[in-house]
Amino acid sequence: MPREKTPFRGKYGESRSTWTRLSFDEIVIFTHPESRTGEPGEDIYLVITQQPHLKKMTLDLTSLTEAELDALEEVVKEAFDRARPIVRDRDQHAKHEWENNDDDSFVRLYRPVPQVHRRQRRQ
């Protein structure tokens, strides 16, 4: 029988600095204090893990040039800007259906409010 992963057991690795869980996905920033390539500064990775199959996508942000990082930021911002009004409408629609028609079938009504966690390290 496979062992279930739970965030309430064990310890997080030293490089995990910031993360959030979104319905079925977890997004984590990993910060390695020394570059693995010998370049100056720390390495910063953005890791998106999709549940339940644990598909993982890793973006090595510090391996990009500044122009590449700017382009990535622009594309992601555009995607968020385009998605925000749709998400807002869907949230409002689900809430309206619940309040006015007793329709409680929308999954988004039951999702917990996500939190962003930032590790506070002792200096």
PDB file of N, CA and C in Angstrom:
ATOM      1  N   MET A   1       0.851  -1.172   0.000  1.00  0.00           N
ATOM      2  CA  MET A   1       0.000   0.000   0.000  1.00  0.00           C
ATOM      3  C   MET A   1       0.902   1.242   0.000  1.00  0.00           C
ATOM      4  N   PRO A   2       0.696   2.188  -0.952  1.00  0.00           N
ATOM      5  CA  PRO A   2       1.551   3.368  -1.002  1.00  0.00           C
ATOM      6  C   PRO A   2       1.345   4.264   0.222  1.00  0.00           C
ATOM      7  N   ARG A   3       2.451   4.846   0.657  1.00  0.00           N
ATOM      8  CA  ARG A   3       2.409   5.742   1.801  1.00  0.00           C
ATOM      9  C   ARG A   3       1.870   7.100   1.365  1.00  0.00           C
ATOM     10  N   GLU A   4       0.945   7.654   2.133  1.00  0.00           N
ATOM     11  CA  GLU A   4       0.394   8.964   1.812  1.00  0.00           C
ATOM     12  C   GLU A   4       1.345  10.053   2.267  1.00  0.00           C
ATOM     13  N   LYS A   5       1.501  11.064   1.425  1.00  0.00           N
ATOM     14  CA  LYS A   5       2.311  12.211   1.819  1.00  0.00           C
ATOM     15  C   LYS A   5       1.432  13.170   2.598  1.00  0.00           C
ATOM     16  N   THR A   6       1.961  13.704   3.653  1.00  0.00           N
ATOM     17  CA  THR A   6       1.215  14.671   4.445  1.00  0.00           C
ATOM     18  C   THR A   6       2.140  15.801   4.846  1.00  0.00           C
ATOM     19  N   PRO A   7       1.659  17.042   4.822  1.00  0.00           N
ATOM     20  CA  PRO A   7       2.517  18.157   5.206  1.00  0.00           C
ATOM     21  C   PRO A   7       2.714  18.241   6.712  1.00  0.00           C
ATOM     22  N   PHE A   8       2.147  17.338   7.471  1.00  0.00           N
ATOM     23  CA  PHE A   8       2.210  17.411   8.921  1.00  0.00           C
ATOM     24  C   PHE A   8       3.223  16.447   9.519  1.00  0.00           C
ATOM     25  N   ARG A   9       4.061  15.851   8.704  1.00  0.00           N
ATOM     26  CA  ARG A   9       5.071  14.906   9.184  1.00  0.00           C
ATOM     27  C   ARG A   9       6.424  15.315   8.652  1.00  0.00           C
ATOM     28  N   GLY A  10       7.474  15.003   9.402  1.00  0.00           N
ATOM     29  CA  GLY A  10       8.823  15.225   8.911  1.00  0.00           C
ATOM     30  C   GLY A  10       9.247  16.680   8.946  1.00  0.00           C
ATOM     31  N   LYS A  11      10.212  17.006   8.109  1.00  0.00           N
ATOM     32  CA  LYS A  11      10.776  18.350   8.070  1.00  0.00           C
ATOM     33  C   LYS A  11      10.886  18.814   6.628  1.00  0.00           C
ATOM     34  N   TYR A  12      10.754  20.113   6.433  1.00  0.00           N
ATOM     35  CA  TYR A  12      11.002  20.691   5.117  1.00  0.00           C
ATOM     36  C   TYR A  12      12.498  20.880   4.938  1.00  0.00           C
ATOM     37  N   GLY A  13      12.963  20.774   3.701  1.00  0.00           N
ATOM     38  CA  GLY A  13      14.375  21.001   3.413  1.00  0.00           C
ATOM     39  C   GLY A  13      14.753  22.456   3.610  1.00  0.00           C
ATOM     40  N   GLU A  14      16.038  22.699   3.784  1.00  0.00           N
ATOM     41  CA  GLU A  14      16.549  24.040   4.047  1.00  0.00           C
ATOM     42  C   GLU A  14      16.249  25.014   2.908  1.00  0.00           C
ATOM     43  N   SER A  15      16.153  24.537   1.673  1.00  0.00           N
ATOM     44  CA  SER A  15      15.991  25.442   0.532  1.00  0.00           C
ATOM     45  C   SER A  15      14.552  25.905   0.317  1.00  0.00           C
ATOM     46  N   ARG A  16      13.571  25.273   0.966  1.00  0.00           N
ATOM     47  CA  ARG A  16      12.167  25.682   0.807  1.00  0.00           C
ATOM     48  C   ARG A  16      11.970  27.001   1.543  1.00  0.00           C
ATOM     49  N   SER A  17      11.615  28.059   0.793  1.00  0.00           N
ATOM     50  CA  SER A  17      11.486  29.369   1.426  1.00  0.00           C
ATOM     51  C   SER A  17      10.060  29.910   1.418  1.00  0.00           C
ATOM     52  N   THR A  18       9.307  29.700   0.344  1.00  0.00           N
ATOM     53  CA  THR A  18       7.957  30.249   0.207  1.00  0.00           C
ATOM     54  C   THR A  18       7.112  29.243  -0.554  1.00  0.00           C
ATOM     55  N   TRP A  19       5.820  29.065  -0.139  1.00  0.00           N
ATOM     56  CA  TRP A  19       4.966  28.120  -0.850  1.00  0.00           C
ATOM     57  C   TRP A  19       3.502  28.379  -0.566  1.00  0.00           C
ATOM     58  N   THR A  20       2.663  27.805  -1.429  1.00  0.00           N
ATOM     59  CA  THR A  20       1.217  27.826  -1.249  1.00  0.00           C
ATOM     60  C   THR A  20       0.644  26.571  -1.878  1.00  0.00           C
ATOM     61  N   ARG A  21      -0.520  26.181  -1.406  1.00  0.00           N
ATOM     62  CA  ARG A  21      -1.273  25.069  -2.005  1.00  0.00           C
ATOM     63  C   ARG A  21      -2.559  25.639  -2.594  1.00  0.00           C
ATOM     64  N   LEU A  22      -2.855  25.230  -3.825  1.00  0.00           N
ATOM     65  CA  LEU A  22      -4.040  25.692  -4.533  1.00  0.00           C
ATOM     66  C   LEU A  22      -4.843  24.476  -4.960  1.00  0.00           C
ATOM     67  N   SER A  23      -5.958  24.265  -4.395  1.00  0.00           N
ATOM     68  CA  SER A  23      -6.813  23.098  -4.628  1.00  0.00           C
ATOM     69  C   SER A  23      -5.986  21.829  -4.798  1.00  0.00           C
ATOM     70  N   PHE A  24      -5.512  21.538  -6.001  1.00  0.00           N
ATOM     71  CA  PHE A  24      -4.761  20.302  -6.223  1.00  0.00           C
ATOM     72  C   PHE A  24      -3.281  20.537  -6.492  1.00  0.00           C
ATOM     73  N   ASP A  25      -2.831  21.770  -6.524  1.00  0.00           N
ATOM     74  CA  ASP A  25      -1.449  22.077  -6.879  1.00  0.00           C
ATOM     75  C   ASP A  25      -0.708  22.700  -5.703  1.00  0.00           C
ATOM     76  N   GLU A  26       0.597  22.536  -5.710  1.00  0.00           N
ATOM     77  CA  GLU A  26       1.454  23.214  -4.740  1.00  0.00           C
ATOM     78  C   GLU A  26       2.525  23.950  -5.529  1.00  0.00           C
ATOM     79  N   ILE A  27       2.776  25.196  -5.143  1.00  0.00           N
ATOM     80  CA  ILE A  27       3.786  26.014  -5.795  1.00  0.00           C
ATOM     81  C   ILE A  27       4.794  26.412  -4.735  1.00  0.00           C
ATOM     82  N   VAL A  28       6.069  26.102  -4.998  1.00  0.00           N
ATOM     83  CA  VAL A  28       7.117  26.305  -4.002  1.00  0.00           C
ATOM     84  C   VAL A  28       8.280  27.059  -4.633  1.00  0.00           C
ATOM     85  N   ILE A  29       8.847  27.995  -3.859  1.00  0.00           N
ATOM     86  CA  ILE A  29      10.113  28.626  -4.232  1.00  0.00           C
ATOM     87  C   ILE A  29      11.202  27.948  -3.418  1.00  0.00           C
ATOM     88  N   PHE A  30      12.189  27.420  -4.119  1.00  0.00           N
ATOM     89  CA  PHE A  30      13.359  26.853  -3.461  1.00  0.00           C
ATOM     90  C   PHE A  30      14.536  27.792  -3.697  1.00  0.00           C
ATOM     91  N   THR A  31      15.252  28.093  -2.633  1.00  0.00           N
ATOM     92  CA  THR A  31      16.413  28.983  -2.713  1.00  0.00           C
ATOM     93  C   THR A  31      17.628  28.238  -2.200  1.00  0.00           C
ATOM     94  N   HIS A  32      18.612  28.058  -3.065  1.00  0.00           N
ATOM     95  CA  HIS A  32      19.862  27.421  -2.675  1.00  0.00           C
ATOM     96  C   HIS A  32      20.893  28.533  -2.472  1.00  0.00           C
ATOM     97  N   PRO A  33      21.488  28.629  -1.291  1.00  0.00           N
ATOM     98  CA  PRO A  33      22.356  29.754  -0.959  1.00  0.00           C
ATOM     99  C   PRO A  33      23.587  29.899  -1.849  1.00  0.00           C
ATOM    100  N   GLU A  34      24.043  28.821  -2.440  1.00  0.00           N
ATOM    101  CA  GLU A  34      25.193  28.885  -3.337  1.00  0.00           C
ATOM    102  C   GLU A  34      24.800  28.295  -4.682  1.00  0.00           C
ATOM    103  N   SER A  35      25.235  28.952  -5.728  1.00  0.00           N
ATOM    104  CA  SER A  35      24.914  28.495  -7.075  1.00  0.00           C
ATOM    105  C   SER A  35      25.527  27.131  -7.334  1.00  0.00           C
ATOM    106  N   ARG A  36      24.777  26.263  -7.954  1.00  0.00           N
ATOM    107  CA  ARG A  36      25.289  24.935  -8.314  1.00  0.00           C
ATOM    108  C   ARG A  36      26.192  24.990  -9.546  1.00  0.00           C
ATOM    109  N   THR A  37      26.202  26.142 -10.228  1.00  0.00           N
ATOM    110  CA  THR A  37      27.019  26.274 -11.439  1.00  0.00           C
ATOM    111  C   THR A  37      28.295  27.060 -11.189  1.00  0.00           C
ATOM    112  N   GLY A  38      28.479  27.551  -9.971  1.00  0.00           N
ATOM    113  CA  GLY A  38      29.662  28.342  -9.666  1.00  0.00           C
ATOM    114  C   GLY A  38      29.500  29.820  -9.976  1.00  0.00           C
ATOM    115  N   GLU A  39      28.325  30.210 -10.489  1.00  0.00           N
ATOM    116  CA  GLU A  39      28.073  31.619 -10.775  1.00  0.00           C
ATOM    117  C   GLU A  39      27.763  32.344  -9.466  1.00  0.00           C
ATOM    118  N   PRO A  40      27.902  33.671  -9.434  1.00  0.00           N
ATOM    119  CA  PRO A  40      27.634  34.402  -8.192  1.00  0.00           C
ATOM    120  C   PRO A  40      26.162  34.378  -7.811  1.00  0.00           C
ATOM    121  N   GLY A  41      25.893  34.449  -6.510  1.00  0.00           N
ATOM    122  CA  GLY A  41      24.521  34.517  -6.013  1.00  0.00           C
ATOM    123  C   GLY A  41      23.907  33.149  -5.800  1.00  0.00           C
ATOM    124  N   GLU A  42      22.697  33.177  -5.244  1.00  0.00           N
ATOM    125  CA  GLU A  42      21.979  31.941  -4.952  1.00  0.00           C
ATOM    126  C   GLU A  42      21.197  31.462  -6.166  1.00  0.00           C
ATOM    127  N   ASP A  43      20.790  30.203  -6.154  1.00  0.00           N
ATOM    128  CA  ASP A  43      19.913  29.651  -7.191  1.00  0.00           C
ATOM    129  C   ASP A  43      18.479  29.707  -6.679  1.00  0.00           C
ATOM    130  N   ILE A  44      17.560  30.147  -7.541  1.00  0.00           N
ATOM    131  CA  ILE A  44      16.147  30.227  -7.168  1.00  0.00           C
ATOM    132  C   ILE A  44      15.332  29.446  -8.185  1.00  0.00           C
ATOM    133  N   TYR A  45      14.545  28.497  -7.661  1.00  0.00           N
ATOM    134  CA  TYR A  45      13.705  27.633  -8.492  1.00  0.00           C
ATOM    135  C   TYR A  45      12.242  27.833  -8.120  1.00  0.00           C
ATOM    136  N   LEU A  46      11.380  27.813  -9.106  1.00  0.00           N
ATOM    137  CA  LEU A  46       9.940  27.795  -8.889  1.00  0.00           C
ATOM    138  C   LEU A  46       9.468  26.417  -9.312  1.00  0.00           C
ATOM    139  N   VAL A  47       8.871  25.669  -8.364  1.00  0.00           N
ATOM    140  CA  VAL A  47       8.447  24.299  -8.631  1.00  0.00           C
ATOM    141  C   VAL A  47       6.937  24.213  -8.474  1.00  0.00           C
ATOM    142  N   ILE A  48       6.270  23.734  -9.508  1.00  0.00           N
ATOM    143  CA  ILE A  48       4.814  23.550  -9.497  1.00  0.00           C
ATOM    144  C   ILE A  48       4.551  22.057  -9.542  1.00  0.00           C
ATOM    145  N   THR A  49       3.892  21.547  -8.506  1.00  0.00           N
ATOM    146  CA  THR A  49       3.570  20.125  -8.419  1.00  0.00           C
ATOM    147  C   THR A  49       2.064  19.972  -8.551  1.00  0.00           C
ATOM    148  N   GLN A  50       1.651  19.210  -9.551  1.00  0.00           N
ATOM    149  CA  GLN A  50       0.228  18.968  -9.778  1.00  0.00           C
ATOM    150  C   GLN A  50      -0.167  17.653  -9.135  1.00  0.00           C
ATOM    151  N   GLN A  51      -1.147  17.718  -8.259  1.00  0.00           N
ATOM    152  CA  GLN A  51      -1.700  16.538  -7.607  1.00  0.00           C
ATOM    153  C   GLN A  51      -2.817  16.009  -8.497  1.00  0.00           C
ATOM    154  N   PRO A  52      -3.300  14.844  -8.448  1.00  0.00           N
ATOM    155  CA  PRO A  52      -2.889  13.770  -7.575  1.00  0.00           C
ATOM    156  C   PRO A  52      -1.759  12.933  -8.158  1.00  0.00           C
ATOM    157  N   HIS A  53      -1.359  13.192  -9.396  1.00  0.00           N
ATOM    158  CA  HIS A  53      -0.361  12.344 -10.049  1.00  0.00           C
ATOM    159  C   HIS A  53       1.065  12.831  -9.820  1.00  0.00           C
ATOM    160  N   LEU A  54       1.223  13.912  -9.080  1.00  0.00           N
ATOM    161  CA  LEU A  54       2.525  14.460  -8.717  1.00  0.00           C
ATOM    162  C   LEU A  54       3.401  14.786  -9.918  1.00  0.00           C
ATOM    163  N   LYS A  55       2.778  15.344 -10.954  1.00  0.00           N
ATOM    164  CA  LYS A  55       3.565  15.851 -12.074  1.00  0.00           C
ATOM    165  C   LYS A  55       4.244  17.130 -11.604  1.00  0.00           C
ATOM    166  N   LYS A  56       5.518  17.259 -11.918  1.00  0.00           N
ATOM    167  CA  LYS A  56       6.290  18.380 -11.392  1.00  0.00           C
ATOM    168  C   LYS A  56       6.926  19.160 -12.530  1.00  0.00           C
ATOM    169  N   MET A  57       6.837  20.491 -12.448  1.00  0.00           N
ATOM    170  CA  MET A  57       7.499  21.371 -13.398  1.00  0.00           C
ATOM    171  C   MET A  57       8.419  22.293 -12.605  1.00  0.00           C
ATOM    172  N   THR A  58       9.680  22.349 -12.987  1.00  0.00           N
ATOM    173  CA  THR A  58      10.655  23.182 -12.297  1.00  0.00           C
ATOM    174  C   THR A  58      11.168  24.260 -13.243  1.00  0.00           C
ATOM    175  N   LEU A  59      11.101  25.505 -12.799  1.00  0.00           N
ATOM    176  CA  LEU A  59      11.675  26.617 -13.537  1.00  0.00           C
ATOM    177  C   LEU A  59      12.910  27.091 -12.770  1.00  0.00           C
ATOM    178  N   ASP A  60      14.065  26.977 -13.374  1.00  0.00           N
ATOM    179  CA  ASP A  60      15.305  27.465 -12.775  1.00  0.00           C
ATOM    180  C   ASP A  60      15.415  28.939 -13.160  1.00  0.00           C
ATOM    181  N   LEU A  61      14.854  29.803 -12.323  1.00  0.00           N
ATOM    182  CA  LEU A  61      14.741  31.218 -12.658  1.00  0.00           C
ATOM    183  C   LEU A  61      16.093  31.905 -12.783  1.00  0.00           C
ATOM    184  N   THR A  62      17.055  31.515 -11.958  1.00  0.00           N
ATOM    185  CA  THR A  62      18.353  32.184 -11.980  1.00  0.00           C
ATOM    186  C   THR A  62      19.264  31.688 -13.104  1.00  0.00           C
ATOM    187  N   SER A  63      18.819  30.696 -13.868  1.00  0.00           N
ATOM    188  CA  SER A  63      19.595  30.282 -15.041  1.00  0.00           C
ATOM    189  C   SER A  63      19.232  31.137 -16.256  1.00  0.00           C
ATOM    190  N   LEU A  64      18.163  31.911 -16.147  1.00  0.00           N
ATOM    191  CA  LEU A  64      17.713  32.756 -17.252  1.00  0.00           C
ATOM    192  C   LEU A  64      18.536  34.037 -17.331  1.00  0.00           C
ATOM    193  N   THR A  65      18.565  34.624 -18.510  1.00  0.00           N
ATOM    194  CA  THR A  65      19.114  35.970 -18.626  1.00  0.00           C
ATOM    195  C   THR A  65      18.059  36.947 -18.114  1.00  0.00           C
ATOM    196  N   GLU A  66      18.438  38.174 -17.865  1.00  0.00           N
ATOM    197  CA  GLU A  66      17.454  39.148 -17.391  1.00  0.00           C
ATOM    198  C   GLU A  66      16.362  39.372 -18.437  1.00  0.00           C
ATOM    199  N   ALA A  67      16.728  39.377 -19.718  1.00  0.00           N
ATOM    200  CA  ALA A  67      15.732  39.543 -20.782  1.00  0.00           C
ATOM    201  C   ALA A  67      14.752  38.364 -20.798  1.00  0.00           C
ATOM    202  N   GLU A  68      15.269  37.141 -20.588  1.00  0.00           N
ATOM    203  CA  GLU A  68      14.392  35.961 -20.530  1.00  0.00           C
ATOM    204  C   GLU A  68      13.475  36.011 -19.320  1.00  0.00           C
ATOM    205  N   LEU A  69      14.015  36.433 -18.175  1.00  0.00           N
ATOM    206  CA  LEU A  69      13.194  36.556 -16.966  1.00  0.00           C
ATOM    207  C   LEU A  69      12.090  37.591 -17.167  1.00  0.00           C
ATOM    208  N   ASP A  70      12.425  38.714 -17.806  1.00  0.00           N
ATOM    209  CA  ASP A  70      11.425  39.749 -18.099  1.00  0.00           C
ATOM    210  C   ASP A  70      10.335  39.214 -19.020  1.00  0.00           C
ATOM    211  N   ALA A  71      10.727  38.450 -20.044  1.00  0.00           N
ATOM    212  CA  ALA A  71       9.746  37.886 -20.981  1.00  0.00           C
ATOM    213  C   ALA A  71       8.828  36.896 -20.271  1.00  0.00           C
ATOM    214  N   LEU A  72       9.411  36.042 -19.426  1.00  0.00           N
ATOM    215  CA  LEU A  72       8.602  35.088 -18.651  1.00  0.00           C
ATOM    216  C   LEU A  72       7.612  35.829 -17.765  1.00  0.00           C
ATOM    217  N   GLU A  73       8.089  36.845 -17.058  1.00  0.00           N
ATOM    218  CA  GLU A  73       7.220  37.630 -16.178  1.00  0.00           C
ATOM    219  C   GLU A  73       6.085  38.285 -16.969  1.00  0.00           C
ATOM    220  N   GLU A  74       6.387  38.794 -18.151  1.00  0.00           N
ATOM    221  CA  GLU A  74       5.373  39.449 -18.983  1.00  0.00           C
ATOM    222  C   GLU A  74       4.294  38.452 -19.424  1.00  0.00           C
ATOM    223  N   VAL A  75       4.714  37.258 -19.842  1.00  0.00           N
ATOM    224  CA  VAL A  75       3.755  36.244 -20.288  1.00  0.00           C
ATOM    225  C   VAL A  75       2.885  35.768 -19.128  1.00  0.00           C
ATOM    226  N   VAL A  76       3.497  35.514 -17.977  1.00  0.00           N
ATOM    227  CA  VAL A  76       2.736  35.051 -16.812  1.00  0.00           C
ATOM    228  C   VAL A  76       1.777  36.135 -16.350  1.00  0.00           C
ATOM    229  N   LYS A  77       2.233  37.390 -16.333  1.00  0.00           N
ATOM    230  CA  LYS A  77       1.351  38.495 -15.926  1.00  0.00           C
ATOM    231  C   LYS A  77       0.160  38.605 -16.875  1.00  0.00           C
ATOM    232  N   GLU A  78       0.404  38.467 -18.191  1.00  0.00           N
ATOM    233  CA  GLU A  78      -0.697  38.522 -19.150  1.00  0.00           C
ATOM    234  C   GLU A  78      -1.702  37.395 -18.896  1.00  0.00           C
ATOM    235  N   ALA A  79      -1.200  36.188 -18.624  1.00  0.00           N
ATOM    236  CA  ALA A  79      -2.093  35.058 -18.346  1.00  0.00           C
ATOM    237  C   ALA A  79      -2.937  35.347 -17.106  1.00  0.00           C
ATOM    238  N   PHE A  80      -2.316  35.890 -16.043  1.00  0.00           N
ATOM    239  CA  PHE A  80      -3.051  36.223 -14.826  1.00  0.00           C
ATOM    240  C   PHE A  80      -4.065  37.327 -15.092  1.00  0.00           C
ATOM    241  N   ASP A  81      -3.664  38.355 -15.841  1.00  0.00           N
ATOM    242  CA  ASP A  81      -4.573  39.468 -16.148  1.00  0.00           C
ATOM    243  C   ASP A  81      -5.780  38.989 -16.955  1.00  0.00           C
ATOM    244  N   ARG A  82      -5.570  38.050 -17.872  1.00  0.00           N
ATOM    245  CA  ARG A  82      -6.672  37.531 -18.682  1.00  0.00           C
ATOM    246  C   ARG A  82      -7.571  36.603 -17.871  1.00  0.00           C
ATOM    247  N   ALA A  83      -6.973  35.839 -16.949  1.00  0.00           N
ATOM    248  CA  ALA A  83      -7.746  34.872 -16.160  1.00  0.00           C
ATOM    249  C   ALA A  83      -8.541  35.531 -15.033  1.00  0.00           C
ATOM    250  N   ARG A  84      -8.031  36.622 -14.455  1.00  0.00           N
ATOM    251  CA  ARG A  84      -8.654  37.226 -13.270  1.00  0.00           C
ATOM    252  C   ARG A  84     -10.139  37.558 -13.453  1.00  0.00           C
ATOM    253  N   PRO A  85     -10.566  38.239 -14.528  1.00  0.00           N
ATOM    254  CA  PRO A  85     -12.002  38.532 -14.645  1.00  0.00           C
ATOM    255  C   PRO A  85     -12.862  37.282 -14.833  1.00  0.00           C
ATOM    256  N   ILE A  86     -12.308  36.268 -15.477  1.00  0.00           N
ATOM    257  CA  ILE A  86     -13.049  35.019 -15.658  1.00  0.00           C
ATOM    258  C   ILE A  86     -13.222  34.316 -14.320  1.00  0.00           C
ATOM    259  N   VAL A  87     -12.138  34.241 -13.551  1.00  0.00           N
ATOM    260  CA  VAL A  87     -12.187  33.614 -12.225  1.00  0.00           C
ATOM    261  C   VAL A  87     -13.164  34.364 -11.321  1.00  0.00           C
ATOM    262  N   ARG A  88     -13.101  35.695 -11.359  1.00  0.00           N
ATOM    263  CA  ARG A  88     -14.010  36.519 -10.541  1.00  0.00           C
ATOM    264  C   ARG A  88     -15.469  36.224 -10.913  1.00  0.00           C
ATOM    265  N   ASP A  89     -15.756  36.160 -12.238  1.00  0.00           N
ATOM    266  CA  ASP A  89     -17.121  35.864 -12.694  1.00  0.00           C
ATOM    267  C   ASP A  89     -17.572  34.477 -12.238  1.00  0.00           C
ATOM    268  N   ARG A  90     -16.690  33.503 -12.325  1.00  0.00           N
ATOM    269  CA  ARG A  90     -17.050  32.142 -11.917  1.00  0.00           C
ATOM    270  C   ARG A  90     -17.297  32.061 -10.408  1.00  0.00           C
ATOM    271  N   ASP A  91     -16.465  32.765  -9.632  1.00  0.00           N
ATOM    272  CA  ASP A  91     -16.694  32.814  -8.178  1.00  0.00           C
ATOM    273  C   ASP A  91     -18.044  33.442  -7.862  1.00  0.00           C
ATOM    274  N   GLN A  92     -18.323  34.563  -8.517  1.00  0.00           N
ATOM    275  CA  GLN A  92     -19.593  35.261  -8.272  1.00  0.00           C
ATOM    276  C   GLN A  92     -20.787  34.426  -8.728  1.00  0.00           C
ATOM    277  N   HIS A  93     -20.632  33.723  -9.850  1.00  0.00           N
ATOM    278  CA  HIS A  93     -21.716  32.872 -10.345  1.00  0.00           C
ATOM    279  C   HIS A  93     -22.016  31.746  -9.352  1.00  0.00           C
ATOM    280  N   ALA A  94     -20.973  31.095  -8.860  1.00  0.00           N
ATOM    281  CA  ALA A  94     -21.172  30.002  -7.897  1.00  0.00           C
ATOM    282  C   ALA A  94     -21.832  30.525  -6.628  1.00  0.00           C
ATOM    283  N   LYS A  95     -21.379  31.671  -6.156  1.00  0.00           N
ATOM    284  CA  LYS A  95     -21.959  32.264  -4.947  1.00  0.00           C
ATOM    285  C   LYS A  95     -23.423  32.632  -5.177  1.00  0.00           C
ATOM    286  N   HIS A  96     -23.718  33.220  -6.335  1.00  0.00           N
ATOM    287  CA  HIS A  96     -25.098  33.603  -6.667  1.00  0.00           C
ATOM    288  C   HIS A  96     -26.006  32.372  -6.726  1.00  0.00           C
ATOM    289  N   GLU A  97     -25.528  31.322  -7.384  1.00  0.00           N
ATOM    290  CA  GLU A  97     -26.337  30.104  -7.494  1.00  0.00           C
ATOM    291  C   GLU A  97     -26.602  29.498  -6.114  1.00  0.00           C
ATOM    292  N   TRP A  98     -25.633  29.544  -5.242  1.00  0.00           N
ATOM    293  CA  TRP A  98     -25.812  29.017  -3.895  1.00  0.00           C
ATOM    294  C   TRP A  98     -26.825  29.852  -3.121  1.00  0.00           C
ATOM    295  N   GLU A  99     -26.661  31.179  -3.156  1.00  0.00           N
ATOM    296  CA  GLU A  99     -27.511  32.074  -2.363  1.00  0.00           C
ATOM    297  C   GLU A  99     -28.933  32.186  -2.893  1.00  0.00           C
ATOM    298  N   ASN A 100     -29.113  32.070  -4.195  1.00  0.00           N
ATOM    299  CA  ASN A 100     -30.430  32.302  -4.780  1.00  0.00           C
ATOM    300  C   ASN A 100     -31.161  31.051  -5.251  1.00  0.00           C
ATOM    301  N   ASN A 101     -30.430  29.991  -5.519  1.00  0.00           N
ATOM    302  CA  ASN A 101     -31.062  28.792  -6.076  1.00  0.00           C
ATOM    303  C   ASN A 101     -30.725  27.524  -5.298  1.00  0.00           C
ATOM    304  N   ASP A 102     -30.086  27.671  -4.156  1.00  0.00           N
ATOM    305  CA  ASP A 102     -29.672  26.530  -3.341  1.00  0.00           C
ATOM    306  C   ASP A 102     -28.842  25.512  -4.121  1.00  0.00           C
ATOM    307  N   ASP A 103     -28.122  25.987  -5.128  1.00  0.00           N
ATOM    308  CA  ASP A 103     -27.261  25.103  -5.912  1.00  0.00           C
ATOM    309  C   ASP A 103     -25.880  25.089  -5.258  1.00  0.00           C
ATOM    310  N   ASP A 104     -25.575  24.003  -4.588  1.00  0.00           N
ATOM    311  CA  ASP A 104     -24.302  23.888  -3.878  1.00  0.00           C
ATOM    312  C   ASP A 104     -23.337  22.949  -4.598  1.00  0.00           C
ATOM    313  N   SER A 105     -23.517  22.778  -5.900  1.00  0.00           N
ATOM    314  CA  SER A 105     -22.736  21.784  -6.639  1.00  0.00           C
ATOM    315  C   SER A 105     -21.407  22.322  -7.172  1.00  0.00           C
ATOM    316  N   PHE A 106     -21.142  23.604  -7.044  1.00  0.00           N
ATOM    317  CA  PHE A 106     -19.906  24.166  -7.577  1.00  0.00           C
ATOM    318  C   PHE A 106     -18.740  23.871  -6.632  1.00  0.00           C
ATOM    319  N   VAL A 107     -17.728  23.177  -7.124  1.00  0.00           N
ATOM    320  CA  VAL A 107     -16.588  22.766  -6.308  1.00  0.00           C
ATOM    321  C   VAL A 107     -15.900  23.968  -5.677  1.00  0.00           C
ATOM    322  N   ARG A 108     -15.845  25.082  -6.379  1.00  0.00           N
ATOM    323  CA  ARG A 108     -15.137  26.249  -5.856  1.00  0.00           C
ATOM    324  C   ARG A 108     -15.752  26.777  -4.570  1.00  0.00           C
ATOM    325  N   LEU A 109     -16.980  26.408  -4.273  1.00  0.00           N
ATOM    326  CA  LEU A 109     -17.615  26.817  -3.010  1.00  0.00           C
ATOM    327  C   LEU A 109     -16.970  26.134  -1.805  1.00  0.00           C
ATOM    328  N   TYR A 110     -16.315  25.017  -2.024  1.00  0.00           N
ATOM    329  CA  TYR A 110     -15.800  24.208  -0.917  1.00  0.00           C
ATOM    330  C   TYR A 110     -14.280  24.280  -0.757  1.00  0.00           C
ATOM    331  N   ARG A 111     -13.623  24.993  -1.627  1.00  0.00           N
ATOM    332  CA  ARG A 111     -12.164  25.060  -1.544  1.00  0.00           C
ATOM    333  C   ARG A 111     -11.739  25.935  -0.374  1.00  0.00           C
ATOM    334  N   PRO A 112     -10.723  25.507   0.355  1.00  0.00           N
ATOM    335  CA  PRO A 112     -10.215  26.358   1.442  1.00  0.00           C
ATOM    336  C   PRO A 112      -9.501  27.579   0.865  1.00  0.00           C
ATOM    337  N   VAL A 113      -9.501  28.649   1.620  1.00  0.00           N
ATOM    338  CA  VAL A 113      -8.784  29.851   1.205  1.00  0.00           C
ATOM    339  C   VAL A 113      -7.284  29.557   1.311  1.00  0.00           C
ATOM    340  N   PRO A 114      -6.535  29.737   0.224  1.00  0.00           N
ATOM    341  CA  PRO A 114      -5.106  29.409   0.270  1.00  0.00           C
ATOM    342  C   PRO A 114      -4.329  30.411   1.121  1.00  0.00           C
ATOM    343  N   GLN A 115      -3.231  29.937   1.660  1.00  0.00           N
ATOM    344  CA  GLN A 115      -2.316  30.780   2.409  1.00  0.00           C
ATOM    345  C   GLN A 115      -0.949  30.710   1.752  1.00  0.00           C
ATOM    346  N   VAL A 116      -0.226  31.818   1.826  1.00  0.00           N
ATOM    347  CA  VAL A 116       1.163  31.833   1.378  1.00  0.00           C
ATOM    348  C   VAL A 116       2.019  31.724   2.633  1.00  0.00           C
ATOM    349  N   HIS A 117       2.912  30.761   2.634  1.00  0.00           N
ATOM    350  CA  HIS A 117       3.779  30.523   3.783  1.00  0.00           C
ATOM    351  C   HIS A 117       5.190  31.010   3.428  1.00  0.00           C
ATOM    352  N   ARG A 118       5.780  31.786   4.329  1.00  0.00           N
ATOM    353  CA  ARG A 118       7.162  32.234   4.168  1.00  0.00           C
ATOM    354  C   ARG A 118       7.936  31.857   5.419  1.00  0.00           C
ATOM    355  N   ARG A 119       8.995  31.136   5.228  1.00  0.00           N
ATOM    356  CA  ARG A 119       9.809  30.733   6.384  1.00  0.00           C
ATOM    357  C   ARG A 119      10.531  31.948   6.946  1.00  0.00           C
ATOM    358  N   GLN A 120      10.465  32.072   8.238  1.00  0.00           N
ATOM    359  CA  GLN A 120      11.170  33.142   8.941  1.00  0.00           C
ATOM    360  C   GLN A 120      12.395  32.525   9.598  1.00  0.00           C
ATOM    361  N   ARG A 121      13.531  32.754   9.031  1.00  0.00           N
ATOM    362  CA  ARG A 121      14.767  32.153   9.533  1.00  0.00           C
ATOM    363  C   ARG A 121      15.381  33.036  10.612  1.00  0.00           C
ATOM    364  N   ARG A 122      15.978  32.381  11.598  1.00  0.00           N
ATOM    365  CA  ARG A 122      16.732  33.122  12.617  1.00  0.00           C
ATOM    366  C   ARG A 122      18.022  33.604  11.997  1.00  0.00           C
ATOM    367  N   GLN A 123      18.395  34.804  12.317  1.00  0.00           N
ATOM    368  CA  GLN A 123      19.647  35.372  11.784  1.00  0.00           C
ATOM    369  C   GLN A 123      20.812  35.062  12.690  1.00  0.00           C
TER     370      GLN A 123
END
